[in-house]
Amino acid sequence: MAPGRIVILNGAPRSGKSSIARAMQERLAGTWMNFGVDVVMAATPKEKLPGIGLRPGGELPELEPFVRESYAALFASIAGHARQGLDVVSDLGLHDKYSRPLGILDSAVAALAGLPVLFVGVTCPLETIMQRRNADSRGGYYAAGETVPEPVRRWQEAVHLPGIYDLTVDTGATTPEAAAETIGAMLAAPPRPTAFERLSSH
């Protein structure tokens, strides 16, 4: 059985990752399972929240061991689904700006070794992210305001390090549907060395 394809969408909160994941499920051939940050946080006990949604800045060092464990379990689940022939899209905000480095991206590379992974950076101008936050802060869950809150700035600076991607899409300049089509075209293109393969050699 050929393994399913894996697409990891990496970007800051409100950058449009979830919309792209839904568009992929609707538009691309295959059975696309969506395992991302929102799904994991919905399954996380209240006392462990925000879990893998913990933002950059080292704010809750006591939660970091659980964050590492939860990410490891997520990557193992993604790998398990792919090995059953199911396609997986995972929208995440990967960073390593905790109180100490946790090596989250390295653990993803190790867990998904040997599987077809497309690593997509989802970027968005800060002004657009703030417009989205101000339009819907989800009851204050998302920091909003007339100025850019420091946590939002930290996300924007930390989430795209080291910035090694197979593809980058800017949701300030393209629709989720167009981004999904671009991802689909890259999935259909002839194989070439992937970002995860390059990261594994570092």
Protein backbone atom coordinates (compact mmCIF):
# COMPACT_ATOMS: atom_id res chain seq x y z
CA MET A 1 0.00 0.00 0.00
CA ALA A 2 1.36 3.40 -0.98
CA PRO A 3 1.45 5.85 1.91
CA GLY A 4 -0.85 8.83 1.95
CA ARG A 5 0.45 12.32 1.30
CA ILE A 6 1.15 14.69 4.18
CA VAL A 7 0.86 18.48 3.96
CA ILE A 8 1.95 20.56 6.93
CA LEU A 9 0.69 24.14 6.83
CA ASN A 10 2.86 26.27 9.11
CA GLY A 11 2.00 29.83 10.05
CA ALA A 12 0.92 32.27 12.72
CA PRO A 13 -2.61 32.25 14.17
CA ARG A 14 -5.14 33.91 11.84
CA SER A 15 -2.83 33.58 8.85
CA GLY A 16 -5.44 31.48 7.00
CA LYS A 17 -4.15 27.94 7.54
CA SER A 18 -7.48 26.42 8.55
CA SER A 19 -9.22 27.89 5.52
CA ILE A 20 -6.60 26.36 3.23
CA ALA A 21 -7.00 22.97 4.95
CA ARG A 22 -10.77 23.06 4.38
CA ALA A 23 -10.26 24.08 0.76
CA MET A 24 -7.89 21.15 0.27
CA GLN A 25 -10.49 18.74 1.63
CA GLU A 26 -13.08 20.17 -0.75
CA ARG A 27 -10.95 20.50 -3.89
CA LEU A 28 -8.14 17.96 -3.95
CA ALA A 29 -8.44 14.32 -4.88
CA GLY A 30 -7.93 11.89 -2.04
CA THR A 31 -9.26 11.42 1.47
CA TRP A 32 -7.77 14.32 3.39
CA MET A 33 -7.80 13.94 7.17
CA ASN A 34 -7.37 17.26 8.99
CA PHE A 35 -5.25 17.02 12.13
CA GLY A 36 -4.14 20.48 13.17
CA VAL A 37 -3.79 22.73 16.17
CA ASP A 38 -7.53 23.32 16.60
CA VAL A 39 -8.28 19.58 16.59
CA VAL A 40 -5.56 18.84 19.15
CA MET A 41 -6.57 21.75 21.39
CA ALA A 42 -10.19 20.58 21.32
CA ALA A 43 -8.99 17.20 22.62
CA THR A 44 -6.68 18.68 25.27
CA PRO A 45 -7.81 18.79 28.93
CA LYS A 46 -8.57 22.30 30.18
CA GLU A 47 -5.69 22.28 32.65
CA LYS A 48 -3.20 21.62 29.83
CA LEU A 49 -4.43 24.34 27.48
CA PRO A 50 -3.31 25.95 25.26
CA GLY A 51 -1.20 22.83 24.72
CA ILE A 52 0.45 22.86 21.32
CA GLY A 53 -1.04 26.32 20.80
CA LEU A 54 1.37 27.74 23.40
CA ARG A 55 2.67 30.94 21.88
CA PRO A 56 6.31 32.06 21.64
CA GLY A 57 7.87 33.76 24.64
CA GLY A 58 8.43 31.07 27.27
CA GLU A 59 5.31 32.12 29.17
CA LEU A 60 4.41 28.73 30.72
CA PRO A 61 7.58 26.66 31.17
CA GLU A 62 5.70 24.20 33.38
CA LEU A 63 3.50 23.30 30.38
CA GLU A 64 6.37 22.72 27.96
CA PRO A 65 6.93 18.99 28.73
CA PHE A 66 3.29 18.35 27.83
CA VAL A 67 3.63 20.45 24.67
CA ARG A 68 6.53 18.27 23.54
CA GLU A 69 4.62 15.07 24.36
CA SER A 70 1.48 16.28 22.61
CA TYR A 71 3.37 17.22 19.47
CA ALA A 72 5.12 13.83 19.47
CA ALA A 73 1.74 12.09 19.72
CA LEU A 74 0.33 14.25 16.91
CA PHE A 75 3.22 13.45 14.58
CA ALA A 76 2.90 9.75 15.36
CA SER A 77 -0.82 9.93 14.55
CA ILE A 78 -0.15 11.72 11.27
CA ALA A 79 2.41 9.05 10.35
CA GLY A 80 -0.01 6.27 11.29
CA HIS A 81 -2.79 7.67 9.11
CA ALA A 82 -0.43 8.16 6.18
CA ARG A 83 0.81 4.58 6.48
CA GLN A 84 -2.80 3.45 6.13
CA GLY A 85 -2.96 5.26 2.78
CA LEU A 86 -4.87 8.30 4.04
CA ASP A 87 -3.83 11.83 3.08
CA VAL A 88 -3.29 14.21 6.00
CA VAL A 89 -3.26 18.00 6.20
CA SER A 90 -2.06 19.51 9.48
CA ASP A 91 -2.28 23.24 10.13
CA LEU A 92 0.19 24.23 12.83
CA GLY A 93 2.16 27.09 14.31
CA LEU A 94 5.57 25.48 14.73
CA HIS A 95 8.13 27.48 16.67
CA ASP A 96 10.91 26.83 19.17
CA LYS A 97 10.76 30.05 21.18
CA TYR A 98 9.90 28.41 24.48
CA SER A 99 11.76 28.97 27.74
CA ARG A 100 14.26 26.54 26.23
CA PRO A 101 14.38 24.88 22.80
CA LEU A 102 12.09 21.84 22.54
CA GLY A 103 13.12 20.74 19.04
CA ILE A 104 9.52 20.41 17.85
CA LEU A 105 10.32 20.67 14.15
CA ASP A 106 13.15 18.17 14.53
CA SER A 107 10.72 15.72 16.13
CA ALA A 108 8.33 16.14 13.19
CA VAL A 109 11.13 15.44 10.72
CA ALA A 110 12.13 12.29 12.63
CA ALA A 111 8.58 10.99 13.09
CA LEU A 112 7.63 11.49 9.44
CA ALA A 113 10.88 10.19 7.91
CA GLY A 114 10.30 8.11 4.80
CA LEU A 115 6.81 9.52 4.21
CA PRO A 116 5.87 12.05 1.50
CA VAL A 117 5.70 15.39 3.33
CA LEU A 118 5.03 18.77 1.71
CA PHE A 119 6.02 21.56 4.09
CA VAL A 120 4.12 24.76 3.32
CA GLY A 121 4.77 28.13 4.89
CA VAL A 122 1.58 30.18 5.22
CA THR A 123 2.46 33.86 5.45
CA CYS A 124 0.23 36.87 5.87
CA PRO A 125 0.94 40.58 6.34
CA LEU A 126 0.67 41.69 9.95
CA GLU A 127 -1.94 44.30 9.02
CA THR A 128 -4.19 41.59 7.58
CA ILE A 129 -3.73 39.38 10.62
CA MET A 130 -4.74 42.28 12.88
CA GLN A 131 -7.79 42.97 10.72
CA ARG A 132 -8.87 39.35 11.17
CA ARG A 133 -8.19 39.44 14.91
CA ASN A 134 -10.13 42.66 15.36
CA ALA A 135 -13.03 41.40 13.26
CA ASP A 136 -13.35 38.24 15.38
CA SER A 137 -11.32 37.89 18.56
CA ARG A 138 -13.34 34.77 19.52
CA GLY A 139 -14.40 36.25 22.81
CA GLY A 140 -10.96 37.60 23.57
CA TYR A 141 -9.11 34.36 22.79
CA TYR A 142 -7.18 36.19 20.06
CA ALA A 143 -5.31 39.30 21.16
CA ALA A 144 -6.65 42.33 19.28
CA GLY A 145 -6.48 46.11 19.40
CA GLU A 146 -5.51 49.22 17.46
CA THR A 147 -1.82 48.49 17.90
CA VAL A 148 -0.01 45.18 17.38
CA PRO A 149 0.13 43.27 20.70
CA GLU A 150 3.57 41.92 21.57
CA PRO A 151 2.42 38.25 21.49
CA VAL A 152 1.20 38.75 17.91
CA ARG A 153 4.55 40.23 16.93
CA ARG A 154 6.36 37.31 18.54
CA TRP A 155 4.29 34.84 16.51
CA GLN A 156 5.09 36.68 13.30
CA GLU A 157 8.83 36.64 14.05
CA ALA A 158 9.19 33.10 15.44
CA VAL A 159 6.91 30.85 13.44
CA HIS A 160 8.85 30.87 10.16
CA LEU A 161 12.27 29.99 11.58
CA PRO A 162 14.30 28.46 9.99
CA GLY A 163 12.07 29.11 6.98
CA ILE A 164 12.91 26.00 4.95
CA TYR A 165 9.76 25.19 2.97
CA ASP A 166 8.77 23.36 -0.18
CA LEU A 167 6.24 26.09 -0.91
CA THR A 168 5.17 29.43 0.56
CA VAL A 169 1.72 30.94 0.10
CA ASP A 170 0.70 34.48 1.08
CA THR A 171 -2.93 34.57 2.16
CA GLY A 172 -2.92 38.34 1.97
CA ALA A 173 -2.55 37.98 -1.80
CA THR A 174 -4.34 34.72 -2.61
CA THR A 175 -7.55 32.94 -1.65
CA PRO A 176 -7.67 29.65 0.26
CA GLU A 177 -9.02 27.97 -2.87
CA ALA A 178 -6.15 29.24 -5.00
CA ALA A 179 -3.65 28.18 -2.34
CA ALA A 180 -5.20 24.70 -2.28
CA GLU A 181 -4.91 24.46 -6.06
CA THR A 182 -1.24 25.51 -5.89
CA ILE A 183 -0.58 22.85 -3.25
CA GLY A 184 -2.40 20.28 -5.39
CA ALA A 185 -0.23 21.16 -8.39
CA MET A 186 2.94 20.72 -6.36
CA LEU A 187 1.73 17.37 -5.04
CA ALA A 188 1.20 16.24 -8.63
CA ALA A 189 4.62 17.43 -9.81
CA PRO A 190 7.56 15.00 -10.23
CA PRO A 191 9.25 14.13 -6.92
CA ARG A 192 12.20 16.22 -5.82
CA PRO A 193 14.18 16.62 -2.58
CA THR A 194 11.80 17.91 0.08
CA ALA A 195 12.20 20.48 2.85
CA PHE A 196 11.99 17.73 5.48
CA GLU A 197 14.79 15.84 3.74
CA ARG A 198 16.92 18.99 3.76
CA LEU A 199 16.10 19.62 7.42
CA SER A 200 17.03 16.04 8.35
CA SER A 201 20.53 16.59 6.94
CA HIS A 202 21.16 19.70 9.08
